[in-house]
Amino acid sequence: MSTANPSKAYRAFILISRAEGVSYLLLLGIAMPLKYALDMPLMVKYVGWAHGVLFIAYIVQLLYVSFKLKWNEIRIILGFIASLLPLGPFIFEWLIGKEKI
């Protein structure tokens, strides 16, 4: 897919991907240390909830955009794996933008 004229589905996927990636970093980098180091679990409750919603939105949009843009199975699997890694969504976005996968 050329990124010169990305579809609405692709643009929505990128926005959700970035939000999901940021929420994961906030969860791992701020909320969880607050919970375990300073005994402040409330942040994990809210950031974790937001991350969960964004994760589901990411997976749904990944499947939708892969259908619309006819992505192959490898790209879909890599997109799913990327959602499980802290910097994965950003790297995945960079790779599909550069047509590396």
C-alpha atoms as a PDB file:
ATOM      1  CA  MET A   1       0.000   0.000   0.000  1.00  0.00           C
ATOM      2  CA  SER A   2       1.327   3.387  -0.861  1.00  0.00           C
ATOM      3  CA  THR A   3       1.358   5.812   2.042  1.00  0.00           C
ATOM      4  CA  ALA A   4       1.085   8.768  -0.346  1.00  0.00           C
ATOM      5  CA  ASN A   5      -2.718   8.521  -0.282  1.00  0.00           C
ATOM      6  CA  PRO A   6      -3.623   6.420   2.739  1.00  0.00           C
ATOM      7  CA  SER A   7      -7.202   5.346   3.215  1.00  0.00           C
ATOM      8  CA  LYS A   8      -9.421   6.466   6.068  1.00  0.00           C
ATOM      9  CA  ALA A   9      -9.171   2.982   7.571  1.00  0.00           C
ATOM     10  CA  TYR A  10      -5.371   3.181   7.514  1.00  0.00           C
ATOM     11  CA  ARG A  11      -5.319   6.658   9.075  1.00  0.00           C
ATOM     12  CA  ALA A  12      -7.705   5.487  11.811  1.00  0.00           C
ATOM     13  CA  PHE A  13      -5.483   2.466  12.426  1.00  0.00           C
ATOM     14  CA  ILE A  14      -2.425   4.709  12.817  1.00  0.00           C
ATOM     15  CA  LEU A  15      -4.225   6.972  15.311  1.00  0.00           C
ATOM     16  CA  ILE A  16      -5.461   4.012  17.360  1.00  0.00           C
ATOM     17  CA  SER A  17      -2.033   2.382  17.133  1.00  0.00           C
ATOM     18  CA  ARG A  18      -0.302   5.471  18.511  1.00  0.00           C
ATOM     19  CA  ALA A  19      -2.836   5.864  21.319  1.00  0.00           C
ATOM     20  CA  GLU A  20      -2.508   2.186  22.232  1.00  0.00           C
ATOM     21  CA  GLY A  21       1.283   2.415  22.192  1.00  0.00           C
ATOM     22  CA  VAL A  22       1.297   5.482  24.428  1.00  0.00           C
ATOM     23  CA  SER A  23      -1.188   3.922  26.841  1.00  0.00           C
ATOM     24  CA  TYR A  24       0.995   0.807  27.100  1.00  0.00           C
ATOM     25  CA  LEU A  25       4.080   2.900  27.835  1.00  0.00           C
ATOM     26  CA  LEU A  26       2.154   4.880  30.475  1.00  0.00           C
ATOM     27  CA  LEU A  27       0.943   1.659  32.042  1.00  0.00           C
ATOM     28  CA  LEU A  28       4.397   0.082  32.172  1.00  0.00           C
ATOM     29  CA  GLY A  29       6.440   3.194  32.831  1.00  0.00           C
ATOM     30  CA  ILE A  30       4.307   5.184  35.254  1.00  0.00           C
ATOM     31  CA  ALA A  31       1.233   3.349  36.532  1.00  0.00           C
ATOM     32  CA  MET A  32       2.858   0.037  37.446  1.00  0.00           C
ATOM     33  CA  PRO A  33       5.870   1.600  39.212  1.00  0.00           C
ATOM     34  CA  LEU A  34       3.452   3.775  41.208  1.00  0.00           C
ATOM     35  CA  LYS A  35       1.469   0.701  42.176  1.00  0.00           C
ATOM     36  CA  TYR A  36       4.386  -1.481  43.220  1.00  0.00           C
ATOM     37  CA  ALA A  37       6.924   1.068  44.462  1.00  0.00           C
ATOM     38  CA  LEU A  38       4.636   3.583  46.150  1.00  0.00           C
ATOM     39  CA  ASP A  39       1.547   1.438  46.821  1.00  0.00           C
ATOM     40  CA  MET A  40      -0.676   3.640  44.630  1.00  0.00           C
ATOM     41  CA  PRO A  41      -2.829   1.186  42.644  1.00  0.00           C
ATOM     42  CA  LEU A  42      -5.431   3.664  41.399  1.00  0.00           C
ATOM     43  CA  MET A  43      -3.375   4.722  38.369  1.00  0.00           C
ATOM     44  CA  VAL A  44      -3.194   1.113  37.150  1.00  0.00           C
ATOM     45  CA  LYS A  45      -6.960   0.861  37.384  1.00  0.00           C
ATOM     46  CA  TYR A  46      -7.600   3.800  35.064  1.00  0.00           C
ATOM     47  CA  VAL A  47      -4.615   3.560  32.727  1.00  0.00           C
ATOM     48  CA  GLY A  48      -5.071  -0.216  32.543  1.00  0.00           C
ATOM     49  CA  TRP A  49      -8.734   0.179  31.668  1.00  0.00           C
ATOM     50  CA  ALA A  50      -7.946   2.745  28.952  1.00  0.00           C
ATOM     51  CA  HIS A  51      -5.170   0.556  27.597  1.00  0.00           C
ATOM     52  CA  GLY A  52      -7.518  -2.442  27.479  1.00  0.00           C
ATOM     53  CA  VAL A  53     -10.103  -0.523  25.462  1.00  0.00           C
ATOM     54  CA  LEU A  54      -7.409   0.803  23.107  1.00  0.00           C
ATOM     55  CA  PHE A  55      -5.918  -2.681  22.725  1.00  0.00           C
ATOM     56  CA  ILE A  56      -9.282  -4.079  21.627  1.00  0.00           C
ATOM     57  CA  ALA A  57      -9.783  -1.123  19.266  1.00  0.00           C
ATOM     58  CA  TYR A  58      -6.288  -1.739  17.843  1.00  0.00           C
ATOM     59  CA  ILE A  59      -7.025  -5.406  17.123  1.00  0.00           C
ATOM     60  CA  VAL A  60     -10.434  -4.633  15.580  1.00  0.00           C
ATOM     61  CA  GLN A  61      -8.963  -1.857  13.419  1.00  0.00           C
ATOM     62  CA  LEU A  62      -5.985  -4.065  12.467  1.00  0.00           C
ATOM     63  CA  LEU A  63      -8.384  -6.699  11.151  1.00  0.00           C
ATOM     64  CA  TYR A  64     -10.551  -4.095   9.421  1.00  0.00           C
ATOM     65  CA  VAL A  65      -7.661  -2.311   7.704  1.00  0.00           C
ATOM     66  CA  SER A  66      -6.072  -5.615   6.719  1.00  0.00           C
ATOM     67  CA  PHE A  67      -9.338  -6.603   5.037  1.00  0.00           C
ATOM     68  CA  LYS A  68      -9.783  -3.221   3.327  1.00  0.00           C
ATOM     69  CA  LEU A  69      -6.169  -2.993   2.113  1.00  0.00           C
ATOM     70  CA  LYS A  70      -5.750  -6.719   1.457  1.00  0.00           C
ATOM     71  CA  TRP A  71      -2.772  -7.175   3.785  1.00  0.00           C
ATOM     72  CA  ASN A  72      -1.173 -10.605   3.827  1.00  0.00           C
ATOM     73  CA  GLU A  73      -1.228 -12.935   6.832  1.00  0.00           C
ATOM     74  CA  ILE A  74       2.368 -12.134   7.837  1.00  0.00           C
ATOM     75  CA  ARG A  75       1.600  -8.419   8.147  1.00  0.00           C
ATOM     76  CA  ILE A  76      -1.500  -9.170  10.228  1.00  0.00           C
ATOM     77  CA  ILE A  77       0.429 -11.504  12.558  1.00  0.00           C
ATOM     78  CA  LEU A  78       3.242  -8.969  12.928  1.00  0.00           C
ATOM     79  CA  GLY A  79       0.671  -6.278  13.706  1.00  0.00           C
ATOM     80  CA  PHE A  80      -0.766  -8.463  16.449  1.00  0.00           C
ATOM     81  CA  ILE A  81       2.676  -9.252  17.881  1.00  0.00           C
ATOM     82  CA  ALA A  82       3.516  -5.542  17.778  1.00  0.00           C
ATOM     83  CA  SER A  83       0.552  -4.818  20.038  1.00  0.00           C
ATOM     84  CA  LEU A  84       2.108  -7.011  22.729  1.00  0.00           C
ATOM     85  CA  LEU A  85       5.461  -5.188  22.813  1.00  0.00           C
ATOM     86  CA  PRO A  86       6.020  -1.816  24.514  1.00  0.00           C
ATOM     87  CA  LEU A  87       7.329  -0.023  21.397  1.00  0.00           C
ATOM     88  CA  GLY A  88       5.772  -2.476  18.957  1.00  0.00           C
ATOM     89  CA  PRO A  89       2.988  -0.305  17.514  1.00  0.00           C
ATOM     90  CA  PHE A  90       5.456   2.483  16.683  1.00  0.00           C
ATOM     91  CA  ILE A  91       7.903   0.091  15.023  1.00  0.00           C
ATOM     92  CA  PHE A  92       5.083  -1.634  13.132  1.00  0.00           C
ATOM     93  CA  GLU A  93       3.820   1.726  11.866  1.00  0.00           C
ATOM     94  CA  TRP A  94       7.326   2.645  10.720  1.00  0.00           C
ATOM     95  CA  LEU A  95       7.772  -0.708   8.950  1.00  0.00           C
ATOM     96  CA  ILE A  96       4.479  -0.554   7.072  1.00  0.00           C
ATOM     97  CA  GLY A  97       5.152   3.093   6.171  1.00  0.00           C
ATOM     98  CA  LYS A  98       8.511   2.125   4.696  1.00  0.00           C
ATOM     99  CA  GLU A  99       6.951  -0.949   3.037  1.00  0.00           C
ATOM    100  CA  LYS A 100       9.459  -3.184   4.871  1.00  0.00           C
ATOM    101  CA  ILE A 101       6.828  -5.808   5.660  1.00  0.00           C
END
